[in-house]
Each structure stands twice: as structure tokens, then as C-alpha cells.
Amino acid sequence: MKPNAGVILLTCLLLPLVCIDVASNAQGVHRYDGHWWLSVSPTEREGFLDGYIDCYIYEYKGPARFTTISLDEARDLVTRFYEDNPSHLDEPVSDVLDRFRDHPGEKLPRDDGEPIKGRHGFYDGTYWKQISLDGKAQQLGFVGGHLWCHEHLSRNKGGMFSKSPAEYRALITQWYRLNEETGDIDAKREPMKIADVLFKFRDRAAQESRAKSR
């Protein structure tokens, strides 16, 4: 049975947040809070942090830094926080991660080698291929983390993304011409940063492409 249009309209007028939440769920968008975090695998959590931090540093250019702890440590700290504080499960992952940012005057506890140079660091096709070795979860997390930051911090600057993270994960994989069974990847496309590939599929880019083809 199809829902009554009048009922839907009235509901949206009275409870707009409900309609927003329904629309988000229809697109496969997660809330990315403690409930989500504890429901997914450690690899998806790690991918989310990678994608979020990539966007936070290179796109949003946020003030906080996360250099005194490793990615694994950050993931475990966020997990422990949610497990120890069930009353905070509605708190976004980004807010919890911010609790573990570098404090003024803190320095790296060890020499981690040469700093990564260039926009988006090592988040390119090689990284995308490497994290595919354990399946799709880490890639899915990366896209989710990047898109959450792009929407909530960068305020969709430069483009909107209306597809689900799973759809963008597949599109990125296709663009790199990555064979998920053999690990083969297009060597010419491999150096492209994941964020730059993702932006090829933003809504505005798709509309511009269709307009040019007319």
C-alpha cells in the first residue's frame, strides 16, 4: 500500500527532522554515532577515521591535529569511550574523536619518518587497493567518513553527494579499474587521490557532464 501524500506532507510540516532522517536512510546514509560504531567491524571503523581525517585536514582544513596517537590507537580509544559511556552513544564519532586530539605543546612520541607531502597524503589508488585486500568494509568506512566531514564540516562545499557510500565505493573502484579478485589496477590512474576521484561523481559534476553531452 502506497503512503498517503497528504499524510506525508503533514508529517514533514510538523516533524521535519523525521522526514530528513527518512530521506537519509533511503539513501543509505548513516548517523555515524556510537550505535553505528559498535555495530560495524574494526576495519570499517578504521576506514571511517582515515576518510574523516583526510577530509578534515585537506578539505575542511580544521584546526585540530591527530599526530600523537596512531590510527589504531584512535580507533580503540573511540571504541572504549562508547563502551564505557553508553549514555553517549548518540554522540557523533567526530565529537568523540575530537576528545583525543593533540593538545598544545604535544609532540610526536617517536620519529615517524619523513612527513607526507602533498594534498591528501597517501590516500590514493595504492591505498585503495591495499585496503581492499580484507574486503569492502574499510573502503566503505573511508567513503562514509569523508562524506560525513564534507557534509557536516565543509557544508557540501564544491558539490553534493546524494548516493549511498556503498554506491560511491563501487564507482571509485570502477574508476581505478581495480579488479577486486586479482588486485590489478590501472597504473596510470593509481596515483590519483581518492578524494579527487570521489569528486568526479558529485551531483554537480554529473549534471555538468550531461549538459556538455547535449
Protein backbone atom coordinates (compact mmCIF):
# COMPACT_ATOMS: atom_id res chain seq x y z
CA MET A 1 0.00 0.00 0.00
CA LYS A 2 1.37 3.41 -1.01
CA PRO A 3 1.58 6.07 1.74
CA ASN A 4 -0.96 8.88 1.57
CA ALA A 5 0.70 12.00 0.12
CA GLY A 6 -1.33 14.29 2.40
CA VAL A 7 -0.19 12.41 5.49
CA ILE A 8 3.45 12.61 4.38
CA LEU A 9 3.19 16.34 3.72
CA LEU A 10 1.57 17.00 7.10
CA THR A 11 4.19 14.89 8.86
CA CYS A 12 7.01 16.80 7.16
CA LEU A 13 5.47 20.13 8.13
CA LEU A 14 5.08 19.12 11.77
CA LEU A 15 8.14 16.90 12.15
CA PRO A 16 10.75 17.97 9.57
CA LEU A 17 13.57 16.09 11.29
CA VAL A 18 11.67 12.84 10.84
CA CYS A 19 11.46 13.44 7.09
CA ILE A 20 15.14 14.30 6.90
CA ASP A 21 16.02 11.12 8.76
CA VAL A 22 13.78 9.02 6.48
CA ALA A 23 15.35 10.56 3.38
CA SER A 24 18.83 9.91 4.72
CA ASN A 25 18.04 6.29 5.46
CA ALA A 26 16.62 5.88 1.96
CA GLN A 27 19.98 6.95 0.56
CA GLY A 28 21.87 4.57 2.84
CA VAL A 29 23.37 7.39 4.90
CA HIS A 30 24.34 6.50 8.47
CA ARG A 31 24.20 8.71 11.53
CA TYR A 32 27.78 7.71 12.35
CA ASP A 33 27.32 7.78 16.10
CA GLY A 34 28.10 5.26 18.82
CA HIS A 35 25.29 2.93 17.82
CA TRP A 36 26.72 2.70 14.30
CA TRP A 37 30.33 2.50 15.52
CA LEU A 38 29.74 -0.51 17.76
CA SER A 39 27.70 -2.27 15.06
CA VAL A 40 30.47 -2.38 12.41
CA SER A 41 33.82 -4.12 12.13
CA PRO A 42 37.15 -2.66 13.33
CA THR A 43 38.26 -2.33 9.69
CA GLU A 44 35.23 -0.20 8.80
CA ARG A 45 35.88 1.95 11.87
CA GLU A 46 39.49 2.41 10.78
CA GLY A 47 38.42 3.33 7.26
CA PHE A 48 35.97 5.87 8.64
CA LEU A 49 38.71 7.59 10.65
CA ASP A 50 41.01 7.66 7.61
CA GLY A 51 38.34 9.19 5.39
CA TYR A 52 37.21 11.68 8.02
CA ILE A 53 40.74 12.85 8.82
CA ASP A 54 41.61 13.11 5.11
CA CYS A 55 38.67 15.46 4.58
CA TYR A 56 39.22 17.26 7.89
CA ILE A 57 42.84 18.14 7.14
CA TYR A 58 42.90 18.70 3.38
CA GLU A 59 39.38 19.89 2.58
CA TYR A 60 37.94 21.40 5.74
CA LYS A 61 41.40 22.47 6.99
CA GLY A 62 40.33 22.02 10.58
CA PRO A 63 42.44 23.33 13.47
CA ALA A 64 42.77 20.08 15.43
CA ARG A 65 45.59 17.62 14.78
CA PHE A 66 45.84 13.91 15.50
CA THR A 67 49.55 13.11 15.36
CA THR A 68 50.41 11.87 18.87
CA ILE A 69 48.39 8.65 18.54
CA SER A 70 48.24 6.11 15.76
CA LEU A 71 45.11 5.34 13.79
CA ASP A 72 44.74 2.03 15.61
CA GLU A 73 45.03 3.79 18.97
CA ALA A 74 42.44 6.38 17.95
CA ARG A 75 40.06 3.65 16.83
CA ASP A 76 40.46 1.76 20.10
CA LEU A 77 40.05 4.92 22.19
CA VAL A 78 36.78 5.78 20.44
CA THR A 79 35.56 2.20 20.91
CA ARG A 80 36.45 2.20 24.59
CA PHE A 81 34.74 5.55 25.11
CA TYR A 82 31.45 4.30 23.67
CA GLU A 83 31.65 1.01 25.57
CA ASP A 84 32.35 2.78 28.86
CA ASN A 85 29.82 5.57 28.30
CA PRO A 86 26.59 4.10 26.90
CA SER A 87 24.77 7.36 27.64
CA HIS A 88 26.91 8.97 24.90
CA LEU A 89 26.01 6.53 22.12
CA ASP A 90 24.08 9.29 20.33
CA GLU A 91 27.23 11.42 20.18
CA PRO A 92 28.80 11.62 16.68
CA VAL A 93 32.07 9.79 16.14
CA SER A 94 33.71 13.08 15.12
CA ASP A 95 32.93 14.62 18.51
CA VAL A 96 34.36 11.63 20.37
CA LEU A 97 37.49 11.63 18.20
CA ASP A 98 37.97 15.31 19.00
CA ARG A 99 38.43 14.36 22.66
CA PHE A 100 41.72 12.67 21.69
CA ARG A 101 43.19 15.44 19.53
CA ASP A 102 46.68 16.79 20.12
CA HIS A 103 46.98 19.25 22.97
CA PRO A 104 49.09 22.44 22.73
CA GLY A 105 52.78 21.67 23.08
CA GLU A 106 52.45 17.94 22.48
CA LYS A 107 54.99 16.36 20.17
CA LEU A 108 55.20 13.04 18.44
CA PRO A 109 56.45 10.40 20.91
CA ARG A 110 58.71 8.89 18.25
CA ASP A 111 60.20 9.63 14.86
CA ASP A 112 57.65 8.52 12.27
CA GLY A 113 59.90 9.30 9.32
CA GLU A 114 59.52 11.97 6.66
CA PRO A 115 56.25 13.89 6.76
CA ILE A 116 53.82 13.08 3.98
CA LYS A 117 53.81 15.85 1.41
CA GLY A 118 51.08 16.87 -0.99
CA ARG A 119 47.34 17.23 -0.78
CA HIS A 120 45.56 14.11 0.59
CA GLY A 121 48.82 12.42 1.54
CA PHE A 122 48.99 8.73 0.69
CA TYR A 123 45.24 8.31 0.16
CA ASP A 124 45.50 7.30 -3.48
CA GLY A 125 44.83 4.27 -5.65
CA THR A 126 47.59 2.27 -3.98
CA TYR A 127 45.95 2.78 -0.60
CA TRP A 128 42.53 1.97 -2.08
CA LYS A 129 43.90 -1.28 -3.47
CA GLN A 130 45.65 -2.23 -0.22
CA ILE A 131 42.57 -1.79 1.95
CA SER A 132 40.54 -3.91 -0.49
CA LEU A 133 42.55 -6.98 0.50
CA ASP A 134 40.32 -7.56 3.55
CA GLY A 135 37.09 -6.91 1.68
CA LYS A 136 34.99 -3.81 1.15
CA ALA A 137 34.45 -2.69 4.76
CA GLN A 138 37.45 -0.37 5.07
CA GLN A 139 36.74 1.28 1.71
CA LEU A 140 33.12 1.73 2.73
CA GLY A 141 34.21 3.31 6.00
CA PHE A 142 36.60 5.65 4.22
CA VAL A 143 33.87 6.97 1.92
CA GLY A 144 31.46 7.35 4.84
CA GLY A 145 33.97 9.28 6.94
CA HIS A 146 34.94 11.57 4.08
CA LEU A 147 31.33 12.30 3.11
CA TRP A 148 30.28 12.95 6.72
CA CYS A 149 33.04 15.55 7.09
CA HIS A 150 32.23 17.04 3.68
CA GLU A 151 28.57 17.48 4.61
CA HIS A 152 28.74 18.47 8.26
CA LEU A 153 32.00 20.44 8.42
CA SER A 154 32.67 21.66 4.86
CA ARG A 155 28.91 22.19 4.35
CA ASN A 156 28.99 20.45 0.95
CA LYS A 157 31.44 22.99 -0.43
CA GLY A 158 32.19 22.09 -4.04
CA GLY A 159 29.36 19.62 -4.56
CA MET A 160 26.56 17.48 -3.22
CA PHE A 161 26.63 13.69 -2.87
CA SER A 162 23.21 12.08 -2.95
CA LYS A 163 24.21 8.44 -3.47
CA SER A 164 24.99 5.99 -0.68
CA PRO A 165 28.57 5.33 0.49
CA ALA A 166 28.30 1.84 -0.98
CA GLU A 167 27.50 3.26 -4.41
CA TYR A 168 30.43 5.66 -4.28
CA ARG A 169 32.73 2.87 -3.12
CA ALA A 170 31.80 0.89 -6.23
CA LEU A 171 32.21 3.93 -8.51
CA ILE A 172 35.69 4.68 -7.13
CA THR A 173 36.73 1.07 -7.61
CA GLN A 174 35.46 1.11 -11.18
CA TRP A 175 37.29 4.37 -11.93
CA TYR A 176 40.60 2.94 -10.74
CA ARG A 177 39.83 -0.14 -12.86
CA LEU A 178 40.64 -2.21 -9.80
CA ASN A 179 40.00 -5.91 -10.19
CA GLU A 180 38.87 -6.91 -6.71
CA GLU A 181 39.67 -10.57 -7.34
CA THR A 182 43.22 -10.19 -8.67
CA GLY A 183 44.22 -6.82 -7.21
CA ASP A 184 45.18 -5.49 -10.64
CA ILE A 185 44.74 -1.74 -11.03
CA ASP A 186 45.22 0.77 -13.84
CA ALA A 187 48.78 2.02 -13.27
CA LYS A 188 48.05 5.36 -14.95
CA ARG A 189 45.11 6.05 -12.65
CA GLU A 190 46.64 4.65 -9.46
CA PRO A 191 48.38 7.93 -8.39
CA MET A 192 45.07 9.86 -8.36
CA LYS A 193 43.91 10.74 -4.84
CA ILE A 194 40.73 9.02 -3.66
CA ALA A 195 39.08 12.34 -2.75
CA ASP A 196 39.68 13.65 -6.26
CA VAL A 197 38.13 10.51 -7.74
CA LEU A 198 35.16 10.79 -5.39
CA PHE A 199 34.52 14.37 -6.52
CA LYS A 200 34.24 13.20 -10.10
CA PHE A 201 30.92 11.66 -9.06
CA ARG A 202 29.41 14.56 -7.15
CA ASP A 203 25.96 15.58 -8.30
CA ARG A 204 27.07 18.84 -9.88
CA ALA A 205 29.79 17.13 -11.89
CA ALA A 206 27.29 14.60 -13.20
CA GLN A 207 24.88 17.37 -14.20
CA GLU A 208 27.65 19.31 -15.97
CA SER A 209 28.70 16.17 -17.84
CA ARG A 210 25.15 15.55 -19.06
CA ALA A 211 24.82 19.19 -20.12
CA LYS A 212 28.01 19.04 -22.19
CA SER A 213 26.85 15.89 -23.96
CA ARG A 214 23.67 17.58 -25.24
